[in-house]
Full PDB file with SEQRES, HELIX, SHEET, SSBOND, CRYST1, ORIGX, SCALE, CONECT and MASTER records, all heavy atoms in Angstrom:
SEQRES   1 A   40  ARG GLN ALA PRO GLY LYS GLN ARG GLU LEU VAL ALA THR          
SEQRES   2 A   40  ILE THR SER GLY GLY SER THR ASN TYR ALA ASP SER VAL          
SEQRES   3 A   40  GLU GLY ARG PHE THR ILE SER ARG ASP ASN ALA LYS ASN          
SEQRES   4 A   40  THR                                                          
SHEET    1 AA1 2 ALA A  12  ILE A  14  0                                        
SHEET    2 AA1 2 THR A  20  TYR A  22 -1                                        
CRYST1    1.000    1.000    1.000  90.00  90.00  90.00 P 1           1          
ORIGX1      1.000000  0.000000  0.000000        0.00000                         
ORIGX2      0.000000  1.000000  0.000000        0.00000                         
ORIGX3      0.000000  0.000000  1.000000        0.00000                         
SCALE1      1.000000  0.000000  0.000000        0.00000                         
SCALE2      0.000000  1.000000  0.000000        0.00000                         
SCALE3      0.000000  0.000000  1.000000        0.00000                         
ATOM      1  N   ARG A   1       0.889   0.394   8.845  1.00  0.00           N  
ATOM      2  CA  ARG A   1       2.106   1.102   9.205  1.00  0.00           C  
ATOM      3  C   ARG A   1       2.469   1.990   8.030  1.00  0.00           C  
ATOM      4  O   ARG A   1       2.087   1.796   6.914  1.00  0.00           O  
ATOM      5  CB  ARG A   1       3.204   0.117   9.522  1.00  0.00           C  
ATOM      6  CG  ARG A   1       3.731  -0.740   8.295  1.00  0.00           C  
ATOM      7  CD  ARG A   1       4.777  -1.739   8.735  1.00  0.00           C  
ATOM      8  NE  ARG A   1       5.204  -2.521   7.635  1.00  0.00           N  
ATOM      9  CZ  ARG A   1       6.042  -3.524   7.776  1.00  0.00           C  
ATOM     10  NH1 ARG A   1       6.513  -3.909   8.981  1.00  0.00           N  
ATOM     11  NH2 ARG A   1       6.470  -4.201   6.681  1.00  0.00           N  
ATOM     12  N   GLN A   2       3.153   3.063   8.443  1.00  0.00           N  
ATOM     13  CA  GLN A   2       3.673   3.998   7.464  1.00  0.00           C  
ATOM     14  C   GLN A   2       5.079   4.364   7.725  1.00  0.00           C  
ATOM     15  O   GLN A   2       5.414   4.903   8.774  1.00  0.00           O  
ATOM     16  CB  GLN A   2       2.768   5.263   7.455  1.00  0.00           C  
ATOM     17  CG  GLN A   2       3.110   6.233   6.340  1.00  0.00           C  
ATOM     18  CD  GLN A   2       2.051   7.286   6.152  1.00  0.00           C  
ATOM     19  OE1 GLN A   2       1.207   7.556   7.070  1.00  0.00           O  
ATOM     20  NE2 GLN A   2       2.069   7.917   4.984  1.00  0.00           N  
ATOM     21  N   ALA A   3       5.953   3.982   6.815  1.00  0.00           N  
ATOM     22  CA  ALA A   3       7.373   4.365   6.970  1.00  0.00           C  
ATOM     23  C   ALA A   3       7.601   5.738   6.352  1.00  0.00           C  
ATOM     24  O   ALA A   3       6.829   6.161   5.469  1.00  0.00           O  
ATOM     25  CB  ALA A   3       8.212   3.312   6.278  1.00  0.00           C  
ATOM     26  N   PRO A   4       8.693   6.399   6.675  1.00  0.00           N  
ATOM     27  CA  PRO A   4       9.003   7.705   6.094  1.00  0.00           C  
ATOM     28  C   PRO A   4       9.045   7.652   4.618  1.00  0.00           C  
ATOM     29  O   PRO A   4       9.785   6.805   3.997  1.00  0.00           O  
ATOM     30  CB  PRO A   4      10.369   8.000   6.712  1.00  0.00           C  
ATOM     31  CG  PRO A   4      10.408   7.255   7.979  1.00  0.00           C  
ATOM     32  CD  PRO A   4       9.687   5.984   7.739  1.00  0.00           C  
ATOM     33  N   GLY A   5       8.336   8.591   3.982  1.00  0.00           N  
ATOM     34  CA  GLY A   5       8.331   8.681   2.520  1.00  0.00           C  
ATOM     35  C   GLY A   5       7.468   7.642   1.805  1.00  0.00           C  
ATOM     36  O   GLY A   5       7.569   7.617   0.571  1.00  0.00           O  
ATOM     37  N   LYS A   6       6.779   6.780   2.494  1.00  0.00           N  
ATOM     38  CA  LYS A   6       5.938   5.734   1.942  1.00  0.00           C  
ATOM     39  C   LYS A   6       4.523   5.854   2.346  1.00  0.00           C  
ATOM     40  O   LYS A   6       4.168   6.551   3.289  1.00  0.00           O  
ATOM     41  CB  LYS A   6       6.538   4.381   2.357  1.00  0.00           C  
ATOM     42  CG  LYS A   6       7.910   4.057   1.845  1.00  0.00           C  
ATOM     43  CD  LYS A   6       8.309   2.650   2.141  1.00  0.00           C  
ATOM     44  CE  LYS A   6       9.706   2.336   1.596  1.00  0.00           C  
ATOM     45  NZ  LYS A   6      10.097   0.900   1.908  1.00  0.00           N  
ATOM     46  N   GLN A   7       3.659   5.132   1.574  1.00  0.00           N  
ATOM     47  CA  GLN A   7       2.291   5.187   1.875  1.00  0.00           C  
ATOM     48  C   GLN A   7       2.021   4.281   3.019  1.00  0.00           C  
ATOM     49  O   GLN A   7       2.695   3.315   3.299  1.00  0.00           O  
ATOM     50  CB  GLN A   7       1.498   4.775   0.604  1.00  0.00           C  
ATOM     51  CG  GLN A   7       1.511   5.742  -0.534  1.00  0.00           C  
ATOM     52  CD  GLN A   7       0.559   5.356  -1.653  1.00  0.00           C  
ATOM     53  OE1 GLN A   7       0.355   4.237  -1.929  1.00  0.00           O  
ATOM     54  NE2 GLN A   7      -0.021   6.341  -2.329  1.00  0.00           N  
ATOM     55  N   ARG A   8       0.841   4.468   3.683  1.00  0.00           N  
ATOM     56  CA  ARG A   8       0.428   3.636   4.735  1.00  0.00           C  
ATOM     57  C   ARG A   8       0.031   2.258   4.097  1.00  0.00           C  
ATOM     58  O   ARG A   8      -0.592   2.173   3.087  1.00  0.00           O  
ATOM     59  CB  ARG A   8      -0.797   4.199   5.451  1.00  0.00           C  
ATOM     60  CG  ARG A   8      -1.219   3.461   6.710  1.00  0.00           C  
ATOM     61  CD  ARG A   8      -2.353   4.184   7.430  1.00  0.00           C  
ATOM     62  NE  ARG A   8      -1.985   5.505   7.877  1.00  0.00           N  
ATOM     63  CZ  ARG A   8      -2.672   6.246   8.675  1.00  0.00           C  
ATOM     64  NH1 ARG A   8      -3.811   5.793   9.179  1.00  0.00           N  
ATOM     65  NH2 ARG A   8      -2.220   7.428   9.085  1.00  0.00           N  
ATOM     66  N   GLU A   9       0.458   1.182   4.795  1.00  0.00           N  
ATOM     67  CA  GLU A   9       0.202  -0.193   4.290  1.00  0.00           C  
ATOM     68  C   GLU A   9      -0.384  -1.072   5.273  1.00  0.00           C  
ATOM     69  O   GLU A   9      -0.162  -0.930   6.524  1.00  0.00           O  
ATOM     70  CB  GLU A   9       1.521  -0.746   3.691  1.00  0.00           C  
ATOM     71  CG  GLU A   9       2.551  -0.995   4.758  1.00  0.00           C  
ATOM     72  CD  GLU A   9       3.799  -1.716   4.249  1.00  0.00           C  
ATOM     73  OE1 GLU A   9       3.796  -2.022   3.058  1.00  0.00           O  
ATOM     74  OE2 GLU A   9       4.680  -1.999   5.053  1.00  0.00           O  
ATOM     75  N   LEU A  10      -1.129  -2.011   4.769  1.00  0.00           N  
ATOM     76  CA  LEU A  10      -1.735  -3.000   5.695  1.00  0.00           C  
ATOM     77  C   LEU A  10      -0.642  -3.959   6.356  1.00  0.00           C  
ATOM     78  O   LEU A  10       0.291  -4.309   5.648  1.00  0.00           O  
ATOM     79  CB  LEU A  10      -2.710  -3.860   4.913  1.00  0.00           C  
ATOM     80  CG  LEU A  10      -3.212  -5.111   5.585  1.00  0.00           C  
ATOM     81  CD1 LEU A  10      -4.232  -4.834   6.701  1.00  0.00           C  
ATOM     82  CD2 LEU A  10      -3.771  -6.122   4.592  1.00  0.00           C  
ATOM     83  N   VAL A  11      -0.798  -4.199   7.595  1.00  0.00           N  
ATOM     84  CA  VAL A  11       0.115  -5.123   8.254  1.00  0.00           C  
ATOM     85  C   VAL A  11      -0.646  -6.463   8.526  1.00  0.00           C  
ATOM     86  O   VAL A  11      -0.297  -7.497   8.125  1.00  0.00           O  
ATOM     87  CB  VAL A  11       0.705  -4.556   9.614  1.00  0.00           C  
ATOM     88  CG1 VAL A  11       1.468  -5.629  10.267  1.00  0.00           C  
ATOM     89  CG2 VAL A  11       1.506  -3.350   9.282  1.00  0.00           C  
ATOM     90  N   ALA A  12      -1.779  -6.299   9.235  1.00  0.00           N  
ATOM     91  CA  ALA A  12      -2.603  -7.432   9.568  1.00  0.00           C  
ATOM     92  C   ALA A  12      -3.985  -6.984  10.071  1.00  0.00           C  
ATOM     93  O   ALA A  12      -4.121  -5.901  10.571  1.00  0.00           O  
ATOM     94  CB  ALA A  12      -1.907  -8.295  10.689  1.00  0.00           C  
ATOM     95  N   THR A  13      -4.940  -7.855   9.841  1.00  0.00           N  
ATOM     96  CA  THR A  13      -6.304  -7.649  10.294  1.00  0.00           C  
ATOM     97  C   THR A  13      -6.837  -8.850  10.955  1.00  0.00           C  
ATOM     98  O   THR A  13      -6.394  -9.998  10.678  1.00  0.00           O  
ATOM     99  CB  THR A  13      -7.275  -7.243   9.153  1.00  0.00           C  
ATOM    100  OG1 THR A  13      -7.306  -8.329   8.184  1.00  0.00           O  
ATOM    101  CG2 THR A  13      -6.725  -6.000   8.454  1.00  0.00           C  
ATOM    102  N   ILE A  14      -7.880  -8.667  11.793  1.00  0.00           N  
ATOM    103  CA  ILE A  14      -8.519  -9.771  12.466  1.00  0.00           C  
ATOM    104  C   ILE A  14     -10.002  -9.485  12.636  1.00  0.00           C  
ATOM    105  O   ILE A  14     -10.341  -8.357  12.988  1.00  0.00           O  
ATOM    106  CB  ILE A  14      -7.881 -10.084  13.810  1.00  0.00           C  
ATOM    107  CG1 ILE A  14      -8.519 -11.335  14.406  1.00  0.00           C  
ATOM    108  CG2 ILE A  14      -7.908  -8.915  14.759  1.00  0.00           C  
ATOM    109  CD1 ILE A  14      -7.708 -11.930  15.641  1.00  0.00           C  
ATOM    110  N   THR A  15     -10.845 -10.399  12.274  1.00  0.00           N  
ATOM    111  CA  THR A  15     -12.312 -10.163  12.411  1.00  0.00           C  
ATOM    112  C   THR A  15     -12.746 -10.533  13.855  1.00  0.00           C  
ATOM    113  O   THR A  15     -12.006 -11.096  14.597  1.00  0.00           O  
ATOM    114  CB  THR A  15     -13.045 -11.006  11.371  1.00  0.00           C  
ATOM    115  OG1 THR A  15     -12.982 -12.376  11.809  1.00  0.00           O  
ATOM    116  CG2 THR A  15     -12.603 -10.843   9.985  1.00  0.00           C  
ATOM    117  N   SER A  16     -13.979 -10.199  14.064  1.00  0.00           N  
ATOM    118  CA  SER A  16     -14.559 -10.506  15.380  1.00  0.00           C  
ATOM    119  C   SER A  16     -14.634 -12.020  15.623  1.00  0.00           C  
ATOM    120  O   SER A  16     -14.584 -12.485  16.731  1.00  0.00           O  
ATOM    121  CB  SER A  16     -15.939  -9.912  15.575  1.00  0.00           C  
ATOM    122  OG  SER A  16     -16.787 -10.349  14.527  1.00  0.00           O  
ATOM    123  N   GLY A  17     -14.690 -12.742  14.512  1.00  0.00           N  
ATOM    124  CA  GLY A  17     -14.671 -14.232  14.628  1.00  0.00           C  
ATOM    125  C   GLY A  17     -13.308 -14.799  14.698  1.00  0.00           C  
ATOM    126  O   GLY A  17     -13.169 -16.042  14.841  1.00  0.00           O  
ATOM    127  N   GLY A  18     -12.248 -14.022  14.572  1.00  0.00           N  
ATOM    128  CA  GLY A  18     -10.918 -14.509  14.672  1.00  0.00           C  
ATOM    129  C   GLY A  18     -10.182 -14.798  13.410  1.00  0.00           C  
ATOM    130  O   GLY A  18      -9.040 -15.265  13.406  1.00  0.00           O  
ATOM    131  N   SER A  19     -10.831 -14.562  12.252  1.00  0.00           N  
ATOM    132  CA  SER A  19     -10.091 -14.743  10.981  1.00  0.00           C  
ATOM    133  C   SER A  19      -9.042 -13.676  10.781  1.00  0.00           C  
ATOM    134  O   SER A  19      -9.295 -12.458  10.991  1.00  0.00           O  
ATOM    135  CB  SER A  19     -11.092 -14.724   9.831  1.00  0.00           C  
ATOM    136  OG  SER A  19     -12.025 -15.769   9.917  1.00  0.00           O  
ATOM    137  N   THR A  20      -7.847 -14.111  10.388  1.00  0.00           N  
ATOM    138  CA  THR A  20      -6.746 -13.203  10.280  1.00  0.00           C  
ATOM    139  C   THR A  20      -6.250 -13.123   8.812  1.00  0.00           C  
ATOM    140  O   THR A  20      -6.481 -13.962   8.004  1.00  0.00           O  
ATOM    141  CB  THR A  20      -5.534 -13.571  11.135  1.00  0.00           C  
ATOM    142  OG1 THR A  20      -5.150 -14.931  10.770  1.00  0.00           O  
ATOM    143  CG2 THR A  20      -6.026 -13.627  12.614  1.00  0.00           C  
ATOM    144  N   ASN A  21      -5.589 -11.994   8.614  1.00  0.00           N  
ATOM    145  CA  ASN A  21      -5.021 -11.671   7.248  1.00  0.00           C  
ATOM    146  C   ASN A  21      -3.719 -10.919   7.522  1.00  0.00           C  
ATOM    147  O   ASN A  21      -3.704 -10.008   8.302  1.00  0.00           O  
ATOM    148  CB  ASN A  21      -5.968 -10.842   6.409  1.00  0.00           C  
ATOM    149  CG  ASN A  21      -5.336 -10.569   5.077  1.00  0.00           C  
ATOM    150  OD1 ASN A  21      -4.935 -11.406   4.314  1.00  0.00           O  
ATOM    151  ND2 ASN A  21      -5.359  -9.312   4.633  1.00  0.00           N  
ATOM    152  N   TYR A  22      -2.590 -11.296   6.776  1.00  0.00           N  
ATOM    153  CA  TYR A  22      -1.355 -10.694   6.984  1.00  0.00           C  
ATOM    154  C   TYR A  22      -0.746 -10.181   5.679  1.00  0.00           C  
ATOM    155  O   TYR A  22      -0.920 -10.829   4.584  1.00  0.00           O  
ATOM    156  CB  TYR A  22      -0.331 -11.636   7.587  1.00  0.00           C  
ATOM    157  CG  TYR A  22      -0.661 -12.080   9.023  1.00  0.00           C  
ATOM    158  CD1 TYR A  22      -1.409 -13.225   9.256  1.00  0.00           C  
ATOM    159  CD2 TYR A  22      -0.209 -11.354  10.099  1.00  0.00           C  
ATOM    160  CE1 TYR A  22      -1.697 -13.631  10.564  1.00  0.00           C  
ATOM    161  CE2 TYR A  22      -0.481 -11.726  11.417  1.00  0.00           C  
ATOM    162  CZ  TYR A  22      -1.267 -12.857  11.672  1.00  0.00           C  
ATOM    163  OH  TYR A  22      -1.534 -13.295  12.908  1.00  0.00           O  
ATOM    164  N   ALA A  23       0.018  -9.154   5.739  1.00  0.00           N  
ATOM    165  CA  ALA A  23       0.840  -8.784   4.607  1.00  0.00           C  
ATOM    166  C   ALA A  23       1.903  -9.848   4.394  1.00  0.00           C  
ATOM    167  O   ALA A  23       2.424 -10.419   5.381  1.00  0.00           O  
ATOM    168  CB  ALA A  23       1.477  -7.416   4.828  1.00  0.00           C  
ATOM    169  N   ASP A  24       2.283 -10.053   3.139  1.00  0.00           N  
ATOM    170  CA  ASP A  24       3.296 -11.100   2.862  1.00  0.00           C  
ATOM    171  C   ASP A  24       4.610 -10.761   3.591  1.00  0.00           C  
ATOM    172  O   ASP A  24       5.354 -11.697   4.038  1.00  0.00           O  
ATOM    173  CB  ASP A  24       3.568 -11.124   1.346  1.00  0.00           C  
ATOM    174  CG  ASP A  24       2.453 -11.738   0.567  1.00  0.00           C  
ATOM    175  OD1 ASP A  24       1.564 -12.365   1.206  1.00  0.00           O  
ATOM    176  OD2 ASP A  24       2.375 -11.522  -0.641  1.00  0.00           O  
ATOM    177  N   SER A  25       4.957  -9.459   3.720  1.00  0.00           N  
ATOM    178  CA  SER A  25       6.204  -9.084   4.359  1.00  0.00           C  
ATOM    179  C   SER A  25       6.329  -9.415   5.815  1.00  0.00           C  
ATOM    180  O   SER A  25       7.431  -9.367   6.347  1.00  0.00           O  
ATOM    181  CB  SER A  25       6.437  -7.558   4.095  1.00  0.00           C  
ATOM    182  OG  SER A  25       5.424  -6.844   4.723  1.00  0.00           O  
ATOM    183  N   VAL A  26       5.158  -9.672   6.470  1.00  0.00           N  
ATOM    184  CA  VAL A  26       5.229  -9.932   7.913  1.00  0.00           C  
ATOM    185  C   VAL A  26       4.771 -11.334   8.278  1.00  0.00           C  
ATOM    186  O   VAL A  26       4.805 -11.729   9.395  1.00  0.00           O  
ATOM    187  CB  VAL A  26       4.406  -8.869   8.672  1.00  0.00           C  
ATOM    188  CG1 VAL A  26       4.798  -7.497   8.302  1.00  0.00           C  
ATOM    189  CG2 VAL A  26       2.872  -9.058   8.477  1.00  0.00           C  
ATOM    190  N   GLU A  27       4.213 -12.056   7.291  1.00  0.00           N  
ATOM    191  CA  GLU A  27       3.725 -13.397   7.556  1.00  0.00           C  
ATOM    192  C   GLU A  27       4.821 -14.256   8.233  1.00  0.00           C  
ATOM    193  O   GLU A  27       5.981 -14.229   7.753  1.00  0.00           O  
ATOM    194  CB  GLU A  27       3.318 -14.041   6.214  1.00  0.00           C  
ATOM    195  CG  GLU A  27       2.673 -15.427   6.332  1.00  0.00           C  
ATOM    196  CD  GLU A  27       1.210 -15.302   6.584  1.00  0.00           C  
ATOM    197  OE1 GLU A  27       0.520 -14.620   5.836  1.00  0.00           O  
ATOM    198  OE2 GLU A  27       0.731 -15.942   7.567  1.00  0.00           O  
ATOM    199  N   GLY A  28       4.427 -14.903   9.272  1.00  0.00           N  
ATOM    200  CA  GLY A  28       5.387 -15.725  10.017  1.00  0.00           C  
ATOM    201  C   GLY A  28       6.178 -15.042  11.089  1.00  0.00           C  
ATOM    202  O   GLY A  28       6.730 -15.703  11.951  1.00  0.00           O  
ATOM    203  N   ARG A  29       6.154 -13.747  11.076  1.00  0.00           N  
ATOM    204  CA  ARG A  29       6.892 -13.001  12.120  1.00  0.00           C  
ATOM    205  C   ARG A  29       6.003 -12.203  12.974  1.00  0.00           C  
ATOM    206  O   ARG A  29       6.265 -11.986  14.163  1.00  0.00           O  
ATOM    207  CB  ARG A  29       7.893 -12.021  11.446  1.00  0.00           C  
ATOM    208  CG  ARG A  29       8.920 -12.612  10.599  1.00  0.00           C  
ATOM    209  CD  ARG A  29       9.983 -11.603  10.151  1.00  0.00           C  
ATOM    210  NE  ARG A  29       9.409 -10.512   9.321  1.00  0.00           N  
ATOM    211  CZ  ARG A  29       9.461  -9.224   9.627  1.00  0.00           C  
ATOM    212  NH1 ARG A  29      10.033  -8.865  10.747  1.00  0.00           N  
ATOM    213  NH2 ARG A  29       8.898  -8.412   8.753  1.00  0.00           N  
ATOM    214  N   PHE A  30       4.863 -11.765  12.479  1.00  0.00           N  
ATOM    215  CA  PHE A  30       3.877 -10.971  13.234  1.00  0.00           C  
ATOM    216  C   PHE A  30       2.675 -11.824  13.549  1.00  0.00           C  
ATOM    217  O   PHE A  30       2.244 -12.664  12.719  1.00  0.00           O  
ATOM    218  CB  PHE A  30       3.466  -9.741  12.480  1.00  0.00           C  
ATOM    219  CG  PHE A  30       4.498  -8.646  12.234  1.00  0.00           C  
ATOM    220  CD1 PHE A  30       5.805  -8.903  12.414  1.00  0.00           C  
ATOM    221  CD2 PHE A  30       4.067  -7.419  11.867  1.00  0.00           C  
ATOM    222  CE1 PHE A  30       6.783  -8.001  12.248  1.00  0.00           C  
ATOM    223  CE2 PHE A  30       5.003  -6.382  11.665  1.00  0.00           C  
ATOM    224  CZ  PHE A  30       6.344  -6.686  11.882  1.00  0.00           C  
ATOM    225  N   THR A  31       2.071 -11.642  14.696  1.00  0.00           N  
ATOM    226  CA  THR A  31       0.869 -12.351  15.037  1.00  0.00           C  
ATOM    227  C   THR A  31      -0.182 -11.350  15.620  1.00  0.00           C  
ATOM    228  O   THR A  31       0.131 -10.647  16.578  1.00  0.00           O  
ATOM    229  CB  THR A  31       1.149 -13.416  16.126  1.00  0.00           C  
ATOM    230  OG1 THR A  31       2.067 -14.331  15.629  1.00  0.00           O  
ATOM    231  CG2 THR A  31      -0.184 -14.183  16.407  1.00  0.00           C  
ATOM    232  N   ILE A  32      -1.296 -11.316  15.000  1.00  0.00           N  
ATOM    233  CA  ILE A  32      -2.372 -10.444  15.441  1.00  0.00           C  
ATOM    234  C   ILE A  32      -3.353 -11.241  16.290  1.00  0.00           C  
ATOM    235  O   ILE A  32      -3.666 -12.381  15.972  1.00  0.00           O  
ATOM    236  CB  ILE A  32      -3.061  -9.681  14.289  1.00  0.00           C  
ATOM    237  CG1 ILE A  32      -4.015  -8.619  14.857  1.00  0.00           C  
ATOM    238  CG2 ILE A  32      -3.835 -10.674  13.374  1.00  0.00           C  
ATOM    239  CD1 ILE A  32      -4.606  -7.663  13.734  1.00  0.00           C  
ATOM    240  N   SER A  33      -3.862 -10.609  17.316  1.00  0.00           N  
ATOM    241  CA  SER A  33      -4.907 -11.286  18.190  1.00  0.00           C  
ATOM    242  C   SER A  33      -5.787 -10.229  18.777  1.00  0.00           C  
ATOM    243  O   SER A  33      -5.452  -9.044  18.738  1.00  0.00           O  
ATOM    244  CB  SER A  33      -4.262 -12.142  19.282  1.00  0.00           C  
ATOM    245  OG  SER A  33      -3.447 -11.357  20.145  1.00  0.00           O  
ATOM    246  N   ARG A  34      -6.896 -10.621  19.300  1.00  0.00           N  
ATOM    247  CA  ARG A  34      -7.828  -9.695  19.947  1.00  0.00           C  
ATOM    248  C   ARG A  34      -8.570 -10.289  21.103  1.00  0.00           C  
ATOM    249  O   ARG A  34      -8.769 -11.548  21.120  1.00  0.00           O  
ATOM    250  CB  ARG A  34      -8.769  -9.109  18.925  1.00  0.00           C  
ATOM    251  CG  ARG A  34      -9.764 -10.112  18.327  1.00  0.00           C  
ATOM    252  CD  ARG A  34     -10.561  -9.440  17.167  1.00  0.00           C  
ATOM    253  NE  ARG A  34     -11.648  -8.620  17.694  1.00  0.00           N  
ATOM    254  CZ  ARG A  34     -12.458  -7.889  16.874  1.00  0.00           C  
ATOM    255  NH1 ARG A  34     -12.234  -7.939  15.580  1.00  0.00           N  
ATOM    256  NH2 ARG A  34     -13.439  -7.120  17.410  1.00  0.00           N  
ATOM    257  N   ASP A  35      -8.921  -9.415  22.025  1.00  0.00           N  
ATOM    258  CA  ASP A  35      -9.734  -9.784  23.167  1.00  0.00           C  
ATOM    259  C   ASP A  35     -11.050  -9.035  22.977  1.00  0.00           C  
ATOM    260  O   ASP A  35     -11.154  -7.801  23.233  1.00  0.00           O  
ATOM    261  CB  ASP A  35      -9.047  -9.367  24.445  1.00  0.00           C  
ATOM    262  CG  ASP A  35      -9.808  -9.858  25.674  1.00  0.00           C  
ATOM    263  OD1 ASP A  35     -10.979  -9.982  25.673  1.00  0.00           O  
ATOM    264  OD2 ASP A  35      -9.127 -10.033  26.741  1.00  0.00           O  
ATOM    265  N   ASN A  36     -12.102  -9.737  22.517  1.00  0.00           N  
ATOM    266  CA  ASN A  36     -13.383  -9.086  22.266  1.00  0.00           C  
ATOM    267  C   ASN A  36     -13.982  -8.515  23.507  1.00  0.00           C  
ATOM    268  O   ASN A  36     -14.697  -7.505  23.469  1.00  0.00           O  
ATOM    269  CB  ASN A  36     -14.324 -10.074  21.547  1.00  0.00           C  
ATOM    270  CG  ASN A  36     -13.869 -10.375  20.139  1.00  0.00           C  
ATOM    271  OD1 ASN A  36     -13.265  -9.559  19.452  1.00  0.00           O  
ATOM    272  ND2 ASN A  36     -14.237 -11.604  19.730  1.00  0.00           N  
ATOM    273  N   ALA A  37     -13.798  -9.164  24.593  1.00  0.00           N  
ATOM    274  CA  ALA A  37     -14.382  -8.658  25.882  1.00  0.00           C  
ATOM    275  C   ALA A  37     -13.795  -7.310  26.279  1.00  0.00           C  
ATOM    276  O   ALA A  37     -14.469  -6.480  26.913  1.00  0.00           O  
ATOM    277  CB  ALA A  37     -14.167  -9.655  27.015  1.00  0.00           C  
ATOM    278  N   LYS A  38     -12.530  -7.098  25.884  1.00  0.00           N  
ATOM    279  CA  LYS A  38     -11.840  -5.851  26.176  1.00  0.00           C  
ATOM    280  C   LYS A  38     -11.811  -4.863  25.039  1.00  0.00           C  
ATOM    281  O   LYS A  38     -11.227  -3.745  25.175  1.00  0.00           O  
ATOM    282  CB  LYS A  38     -10.414  -6.065  26.671  1.00  0.00           C  
ATOM    283  CG  LYS A  38     -10.355  -6.901  27.997  1.00  0.00           C  
ATOM    284  CD  LYS A  38      -8.923  -7.108  28.367  1.00  0.00           C  
ATOM    285  CE  LYS A  38      -8.747  -7.912  29.652  1.00  0.00           C  
ATOM    286  NZ  LYS A  38      -7.410  -8.095  30.109  1.00  0.00           N  
ATOM    287  N   ASN A  39     -12.327  -5.293  23.861  1.00  0.00           N  
ATOM    288  CA  ASN A  39     -12.228  -4.475  22.662  1.00  0.00           C  
ATOM    289  C   ASN A  39     -10.773  -4.019  22.379  1.00  0.00           C  
ATOM    290  O   ASN A  39     -10.546  -2.832  22.150  1.00  0.00           O  
ATOM    291  CB  ASN A  39     -13.136  -3.229  22.709  1.00  0.00           C  
ATOM    292  CG  ASN A  39     -14.582  -3.502  22.229  1.00  0.00           C  
ATOM    293  OD1 ASN A  39     -14.841  -4.580  21.672  1.00  0.00           O  
ATOM    294  ND2 ASN A  39     -15.482  -2.606  22.382  1.00  0.00           N  
ATOM    295  N   THR A  40      -9.867  -4.994  22.535  1.00  0.00           N  
ATOM    296  CA  THR A  40      -8.495  -4.693  22.425  1.00  0.00           C  
ATOM    297  C   THR A  40      -7.851  -5.624  21.326  1.00  0.00           C  
ATOM    298  O   THR A  40      -8.178  -6.822  21.320  1.00  0.00           O  
ATOM    299  CB  THR A  40      -7.762  -4.876  23.762  1.00  0.00           C  
ATOM    300  OG1 THR A  40      -8.290  -3.915  24.674  1.00  0.00           O  
ATOM    301  CG2 THR A  40      -6.243  -4.580  23.631  1.00  0.00           C  
TER     302      THR A  40                                                      
MASTER        0    0    0    0    2    0    0    6  301    1    0    4          
END                                                                             
């Protein structure tokens, strides 16, 4: 994400195997998921 006047920052990532990583600022509030069959 990129807020006005700020640099783009990581929010969350997920690997094809389902491993996730979150920014500290969103941990516990945001959840990332993916559907590999739909590439979504």
